[in-house]
Protein backbone atom coordinates (compact mmCIF):
# COMPACT_ATOMS: atom_id res chain seq x y z
CA MET A 1 -0.08 0.06 0.20
CA ARG A 2 1.34 3.47 -0.98
CA ILE A 3 0.71 5.91 1.82
CA ALA A 4 0.84 9.80 1.70
CA PHE A 5 1.20 11.54 5.07
CA ALA A 6 0.18 15.05 6.22
CA GLY A 7 1.08 16.40 9.68
CA SER A 8 3.35 18.78 11.46
CA PRO A 9 4.04 18.51 15.08
CA ARG A 10 5.52 15.75 17.24
CA PHE A 11 2.08 14.12 17.64
CA ALA A 12 2.10 13.46 13.89
CA ALA A 13 5.82 12.70 13.57
CA LEU A 14 5.56 9.76 15.96
CA ALA A 15 2.77 8.39 13.78
CA LEU A 16 5.05 8.85 10.69
CA GLN A 17 7.95 7.24 12.44
CA ALA A 18 5.86 4.24 13.32
CA ILE A 19 4.50 3.75 9.82
CA LEU A 20 8.08 3.98 8.42
CA ASP A 21 9.54 1.60 10.90
CA ALA A 22 6.74 -0.89 10.19
CA GLY A 23 7.84 -0.97 6.57
CA HIS A 24 5.03 0.76 4.90
CA ASP A 25 5.71 2.69 1.57
CA VAL A 26 5.38 6.44 2.34
CA CYS A 27 5.36 8.06 -1.10
CA GLN A 28 4.76 11.70 -0.23
CA VAL A 29 4.65 14.00 2.77
CA LEU A 30 2.90 17.23 3.39
CA THR A 31 3.64 19.45 6.36
CA GLN A 32 3.41 23.13 7.37
CA PRO A 33 6.12 25.55 6.20
CA GLU A 34 8.82 26.67 8.45
CA ARG A 35 7.61 28.97 11.36
CA PRO A 36 9.35 31.29 13.67
CA ALA A 37 9.79 29.50 16.96
CA GLY A 38 12.04 29.51 20.07
CA ARG A 39 13.64 32.25 22.07
CA GLY A 40 15.40 33.67 18.84
CA TRP A 41 12.14 33.48 16.92
CA LYS A 42 14.00 31.88 13.96
CA PRO A 43 12.27 29.86 11.36
CA ARG A 44 11.98 26.26 12.29
CA VAL A 45 11.08 23.26 10.23
CA SER A 46 8.13 21.10 11.54
CA GLU A 47 8.96 17.85 13.31
CA VAL A 48 7.36 16.07 10.56
CA GLY A 49 9.38 17.85 7.92
CA ALA A 50 12.56 17.15 9.77
CA LEU A 51 11.77 13.50 9.79
CA ALA A 52 10.85 13.50 6.18
CA ALA A 53 14.08 15.09 5.21
CA THR A 54 16.09 12.68 7.37
CA ARG A 55 14.45 9.62 5.86
CA GLY A 56 14.76 11.15 2.22
CA LEU A 57 11.02 11.38 1.75
CA PRO A 58 9.44 13.58 -1.01
CA LEU A 59 8.17 16.62 0.91
CA ALA A 60 5.82 19.54 0.06
CA THR A 61 5.26 22.49 2.40
CA PRO A 62 2.29 24.52 1.08
CA ARG A 63 0.77 27.32 2.98
CA SER A 64 -2.59 26.29 1.62
CA LEU A 65 -4.11 23.43 -0.26
CA ARG A 66 -6.76 25.38 -2.11
CA GLU A 67 -5.89 25.66 -5.83
CA THR A 68 -7.18 29.22 -5.92
CA ASP A 69 -4.35 30.19 -3.58
CA GLY A 70 -1.56 30.79 -6.46
CA SER A 71 0.95 31.93 -3.98
CA GLY A 72 0.60 29.28 -1.27
CA GLY A 73 2.25 26.44 -3.18
CA ALA A 74 -1.04 24.64 -3.25
CA ARG A 75 -0.80 23.72 -7.07
CA GLU A 76 2.59 22.35 -6.76
CA ALA A 77 1.78 20.27 -3.80
CA LEU A 78 -1.39 18.92 -5.41
CA ARG A 79 0.57 18.04 -8.42
CA ALA A 80 3.15 16.17 -6.40
CA LEU A 81 0.52 14.34 -4.33
CA ALA A 82 -1.29 13.18 -7.41
CA ALA A 83 1.95 12.03 -9.16
CA ALA A 84 2.72 10.02 -6.21
CA ALA A 85 -0.37 8.01 -6.81
CA PRO A 86 -1.05 7.08 -3.01
CA ASP A 87 -3.61 4.41 -2.03
CA LEU A 88 -4.33 6.19 1.28
CA LEU A 89 -3.75 9.63 2.78
CA MET A 90 -2.88 9.52 6.50
CA VAL A 91 -3.37 12.85 8.43
CA ALA A 92 -2.42 13.75 12.03
CA ALA A 93 -2.45 17.31 13.32
CA TYR A 94 -1.55 18.86 9.86
CA GLY A 95 -3.10 22.29 10.54
CA LEU A 96 -4.46 22.92 7.10
CA ILE A 97 -7.93 22.36 5.71
CA LEU A 98 -8.18 19.55 3.21
CA PRO A 99 -10.66 20.36 0.29
CA GLN A 100 -12.57 17.69 -1.47
CA SER A 101 -10.04 17.94 -4.32
CA VAL A 102 -7.34 16.58 -1.92
CA LEU A 103 -9.47 13.97 -0.39
CA ASP A 104 -10.28 12.53 -3.81
CA ILE A 105 -6.59 12.08 -4.90
CA PRO A 106 -5.86 8.82 -3.13
CA ARG A 107 -7.05 5.69 -4.94
CA GLY A 108 -8.56 4.37 -1.83
CA VAL A 109 -8.54 1.18 0.33
CA ARG A 110 -11.51 -0.98 0.19
CA GLY A 111 -13.24 -2.46 3.31
CA ARG A 112 -16.48 -4.05 4.25
CA SER A 113 -18.42 -0.60 4.59
CA GLY A 114 -16.92 1.11 1.48
CA VAL A 115 -13.67 2.82 0.51
CA ALA A 116 -11.39 4.81 2.61
CA ARG A 117 -9.11 7.51 0.94
CA ALA A 118 -8.07 9.83 3.80
CA ILE A 119 -7.81 8.78 7.43
CA ASN A 120 -7.42 11.25 10.37
CA ILE A 121 -5.66 10.45 13.69
CA HIS A 122 -7.72 12.74 16.17
CA ALA A 123 -6.81 13.22 19.74
CA SER A 124 -10.35 12.91 21.26
CA LEU A 125 -13.26 10.53 21.59
CA LEU A 126 -15.36 11.90 18.82
CA PRO A 127 -17.90 13.57 18.57
CA ARG A 128 -16.52 15.10 21.77
CA TRP A 129 -14.08 17.87 20.99
CA ARG A 130 -13.93 18.24 17.19
CA GLY A 131 -11.52 20.92 16.26
CA ALA A 132 -8.24 22.40 16.77
CA ALA A 133 -7.43 21.96 20.45
CA PRO A 134 -9.07 18.77 21.66
CA VAL A 135 -6.49 17.95 24.37
CA ALA A 136 -6.40 21.42 25.96
CA ARG A 137 -10.20 21.62 25.95
CA ALA A 138 -10.61 18.35 27.56
CA ILE A 139 -8.37 19.15 30.41
CA GLU A 140 -9.83 22.66 30.79
CA ALA A 141 -13.40 21.10 30.99
CA GLY A 142 -12.40 18.63 33.63
CA ASP A 143 -13.03 15.60 31.51
CA ALA A 144 -12.12 12.23 33.21
CA VAL A 145 -11.11 10.41 30.00
CA THR A 146 -10.09 11.12 26.38
CA GLY A 147 -8.53 9.16 23.67
CA ILE A 148 -7.82 8.69 20.08
CA THR A 149 -10.16 8.30 17.27
CA LEU A 150 -9.32 7.05 13.78
CA MET A 151 -11.80 8.84 11.29
CA GLN A 152 -12.58 8.39 7.70
CA MET A 153 -12.15 12.09 6.54
CA ASP A 154 -14.74 14.24 4.78
CA VAL A 155 -15.01 18.03 4.18
CA GLY A 156 -16.55 18.63 7.42
CA LEU A 157 -14.75 19.44 10.73
CA ASP A 158 -13.95 16.03 12.11
CA THR A 159 -17.32 14.83 11.09
CA GLY A 160 -16.52 11.52 9.23
CA PRO A 161 -17.26 7.97 10.15
CA ILE A 162 -15.28 6.37 12.95
CA LEU A 163 -12.76 3.43 12.05
CA GLY A 164 -11.65 2.87 15.53
CA ALA A 165 -11.13 4.51 18.94
CA GLN A 166 -9.39 3.86 22.31
CA THR A 167 -9.75 5.56 25.74
CA ILE A 168 -7.25 6.65 28.13
CA PRO A 169 -7.81 8.42 31.49
CA ILE A 170 -6.90 12.05 32.07
CA GLU A 171 -4.68 12.09 35.20
CA SER A 172 -5.13 14.82 37.81
CA ASP A 173 -1.65 16.28 37.07
CA ASP A 174 -1.79 15.86 33.27
CA THR A 175 -0.64 18.97 31.25
CA ALA A 176 -1.61 19.38 27.72
CA GLY A 177 2.00 18.55 26.75
CA ALA A 178 2.09 15.34 28.85
CA LEU A 179 -1.36 14.10 27.79
CA THR A 180 -0.50 14.83 24.03
CA GLU A 181 2.61 12.81 24.27
CA ARG A 182 0.54 9.78 25.57
CA LEU A 183 -1.98 10.33 22.89
CA ALA A 184 0.69 10.53 20.23
CA HIS A 185 2.02 7.12 21.13
CA LEU A 186 -1.52 5.70 21.26
CA GLY A 187 -2.39 7.24 17.82
CA ALA A 188 0.63 5.66 16.26
CA LYS A 189 -0.27 2.30 17.48
CA LEU A 190 -3.82 2.51 16.42
CA ALA A 191 -2.94 3.68 12.93
CA LEU A 192 -0.57 0.65 12.65
CA ALA A 193 -3.30 -1.66 13.70
CA TRP A 194 -5.72 -0.28 11.27
CA LEU A 195 -3.33 -0.49 8.37
CA ASP A 196 -2.81 -4.15 9.23
CA GLU A 197 -6.59 -4.68 9.15
CA ALA A 198 -6.95 -2.64 5.85
CA THR A 199 -4.61 -4.89 3.93
CA GLY A 200 -7.27 -7.66 4.53
CA ALA A 201 -10.24 -5.46 3.66
CA SER A 202 -11.69 -6.21 7.02
CA TRP A 203 -12.46 -2.89 8.40
CA ASP A 204 -15.69 -1.11 9.02
CA ALA A 205 -16.69 2.58 9.42
CA VAL A 206 -19.45 3.74 11.82
CA PRO A 207 -21.04 7.03 11.56
CA GLN A 208 -20.47 9.39 14.46
CA PRO A 209 -23.38 9.91 16.98
CA VAL A 210 -25.47 12.90 16.44
CA GLU A 211 -25.48 13.71 20.18
CA GLY A 212 -22.53 14.80 22.41
CA VAL A 213 -20.93 17.03 19.74
CA THR A 214 -18.50 19.66 21.19
CA TYR A 215 -16.14 21.92 19.62
CA ALA A 216 -12.32 22.52 20.65
CA ARG A 217 -11.51 25.98 19.38
CA LYS A 218 -7.93 27.02 19.08
CA VAL A 219 -6.50 28.31 22.24
CA GLY A 220 -5.86 32.01 21.80
CA ARG A 221 -2.99 33.87 23.61
CA GLU A 222 -5.70 36.09 25.13
CA GLU A 223 -6.87 33.10 27.17
CA ALA A 224 -3.48 32.83 28.83
CA SER A 225 -4.49 35.56 31.33
CA LEU A 226 -5.86 34.13 34.48
CA ASP A 227 -9.24 35.55 35.48
CA TRP A 228 -8.98 35.63 39.34
CA PHE A 229 -12.86 36.13 39.57
CA ALA A 230 -13.23 32.50 38.18
CA PRO A 231 -13.38 29.46 40.38
CA ALA A 232 -9.89 28.29 41.40
CA ALA A 233 -10.73 24.77 40.30
CA LEU A 234 -11.21 25.95 36.81
CA LEU A 235 -8.00 28.24 36.83
CA ALA A 236 -5.95 25.15 37.97
CA ARG A 237 -7.28 23.13 35.00
CA ARG A 238 -6.51 25.98 32.78
CA VAL A 239 -2.89 26.06 34.05
CA ARG A 240 -2.57 22.48 33.09
CA ALA A 241 -4.48 22.93 29.71
CA PHE A 242 -2.36 25.80 28.51
CA ASP A 243 1.17 24.14 29.28
CA PRO A 244 3.16 24.30 27.08
CA GLN A 245 1.44 26.95 24.86
CA PRO A 246 0.48 29.60 25.48
CA GLY A 247 1.12 29.21 29.21
CA ALA A 248 -1.25 30.66 31.79
CA SER A 249 -0.10 34.05 33.14
CA GLY A 250 -0.65 37.24 35.34
CA ARG A 251 1.08 40.26 36.39
CA LEU A 252 2.61 40.92 39.73
CA GLU A 253 3.35 44.68 40.33
CA GLY A 254 3.45 45.15 36.43
CA VAL A 255 5.74 42.05 35.75
CA LEU A 256 4.37 39.31 33.60
CA VAL A 257 4.75 35.95 35.38
CA LYS A 258 3.55 32.60 34.06
CA VAL A 259 2.10 29.91 36.16
CA TRP A 260 3.10 26.39 35.31
CA SER A 261 1.87 24.40 38.19
CA ALA A 262 -1.10 25.07 40.66
CA HIS A 263 -3.93 23.37 42.50
CA ALA A 264 -7.20 24.55 43.99
CA THR A 265 -8.25 24.55 47.76
CA ALA A 266 -11.13 25.55 49.84
CA GLN A 267 -13.06 28.86 49.89
CA ALA A 268 -11.27 31.89 51.31
CA HIS A 269 -14.16 33.87 52.84
CA GLY A 270 -14.35 37.43 52.13
CA ALA A 271 -10.99 37.66 50.25
CA VAL A 272 -10.76 39.81 47.00
CA PRO A 273 -9.98 37.73 43.93
CA GLY A 274 -6.31 38.17 42.97
CA VAL A 275 -5.08 39.05 46.28
CA VAL A 276 -2.13 37.00 47.68
CA LEU A 277 -3.22 35.50 51.10
CA ALA A 278 0.14 33.91 51.80
CA ALA A 279 3.47 33.17 50.06
CA ALA A 280 5.69 30.44 51.47
CA ASP A 281 7.51 27.32 50.40
CA GLU A 282 4.30 25.56 50.40
CA GLY A 283 2.92 27.81 47.57
CA ILE A 284 1.59 31.25 46.94
CA ARG A 285 -2.14 31.29 47.91
CA VAL A 286 -4.20 33.47 45.71
CA ALA A 287 -7.89 34.31 46.43
CA CYS A 288 -10.31 33.58 43.45
CA GLY A 289 -13.94 34.01 42.69
CA GLU A 290 -14.45 30.72 44.42
CA GLY A 291 -11.66 29.00 46.40
CA VAL A 292 -8.03 29.56 46.55
CA LEU A 293 -5.44 28.79 43.93
CA VAL A 294 -2.05 27.53 45.29
CA ILE A 295 0.62 28.18 42.85
CA ASP A 296 3.69 25.82 42.88
CA GLU A 297 5.73 26.80 39.88
CA LEU A 298 6.40 30.16 38.08
CA GLN A 299 8.43 31.98 35.66
CA ARG A 300 9.26 35.66 35.35
CA ALA A 301 9.41 37.15 31.82
CA GLY A 302 12.90 36.16 30.35
CA GLY A 303 13.63 33.87 33.19
CA ARG A 304 13.21 30.14 33.64
CA ARG A 305 10.68 28.02 35.34
CA LEU A 306 11.16 27.84 39.07
CA ARG A 307 9.55 25.95 41.88
CA VAL A 308 7.91 28.29 44.30
CA GLN A 309 10.74 28.03 46.91
CA GLU A 310 13.37 29.21 44.53
CA PHE A 311 10.99 31.85 42.92
CA LEU A 312 10.31 33.48 46.21
CA ARG A 313 14.07 33.66 47.14
CA GLY A 314 14.59 35.96 44.23
CA THR A 315 11.14 37.64 44.12
CA PRO A 316 9.64 37.99 47.62
CA ILE A 317 5.67 38.41 47.66
CA ALA A 318 4.08 40.01 50.51
CA PRO A 319 0.53 39.00 51.59
CA GLY A 320 -2.00 41.55 50.18
CA THR A 321 -0.11 41.90 46.87
CA ARG A 322 -2.61 41.85 44.01
CA TRP A 323 -2.31 39.66 40.93
CA GLN A 324 -3.74 41.35 37.74
CA THR A 325 -4.61 39.79 34.43
CA SER A 326 -1.80 39.96 31.92
CA CYS A 327 -1.77 41.83 28.68
CA ASN A 328 -0.30 39.29 26.29
């Protein structure tokens, strides 16, 4: 089977690596173009792009896959994909919308319930958390479980029939980064299992339920600012959901500080939201709209992540100090 692959971050690179290591024929790779990243804000190739280059795979990096976008490299990428003549397109966290013209290019793999041309490795249990940020939104919402869904792609937003799924728990200390890593390995495993099944034409696709649909909108930088009038339990989940990107934050005496680890405790009666109740090695206790947020790990702008004990040695915080929302 000839497989084309579309993806960009590590989540996708782990799936591509597994497919290659299993001996499958990857005939074309699509990934996002270089983006500025890191402290120096220098252009950086995606992890899928780096892997494809290392393995000598044909690689295209269009900014768009719509043929009307003459300057985005779409036409060249579509010609390359068509020339590769794949049987199947495997997609994981690609980051570009795939129009019907792209989904129609693969010749298709036949199963008991039809023909699959494009398969998506999606990091949620569909139809819950369709969209761009399923891992972050599951943590933010307080979900107890999540998982991987293999989905037969159509032009809708994660609306296609389900080929398979597996559930994993969301641990109480899971960050988006840690949970994404676990899901990436699970996604690679499920993709390989399905490819083995596909060679025998033994797979089925099941339509998604019409109930239980939720949408995971992309996490914006404006969401990084902690709203101290919100419940502490919600803020603690947001700290984990926004780690590593964009990182939850606030301002202390005008200085931007990111919050990387925190947990919620009981109500502080009569305390003004955002006011520091205590600052010690056990944590910085901040009053919220409901309950108290205890901060365990912080980072000043331009600095590094520090446990609260080390942070307070360099930046003492007096009780009564008021956190403000940041202005990222």
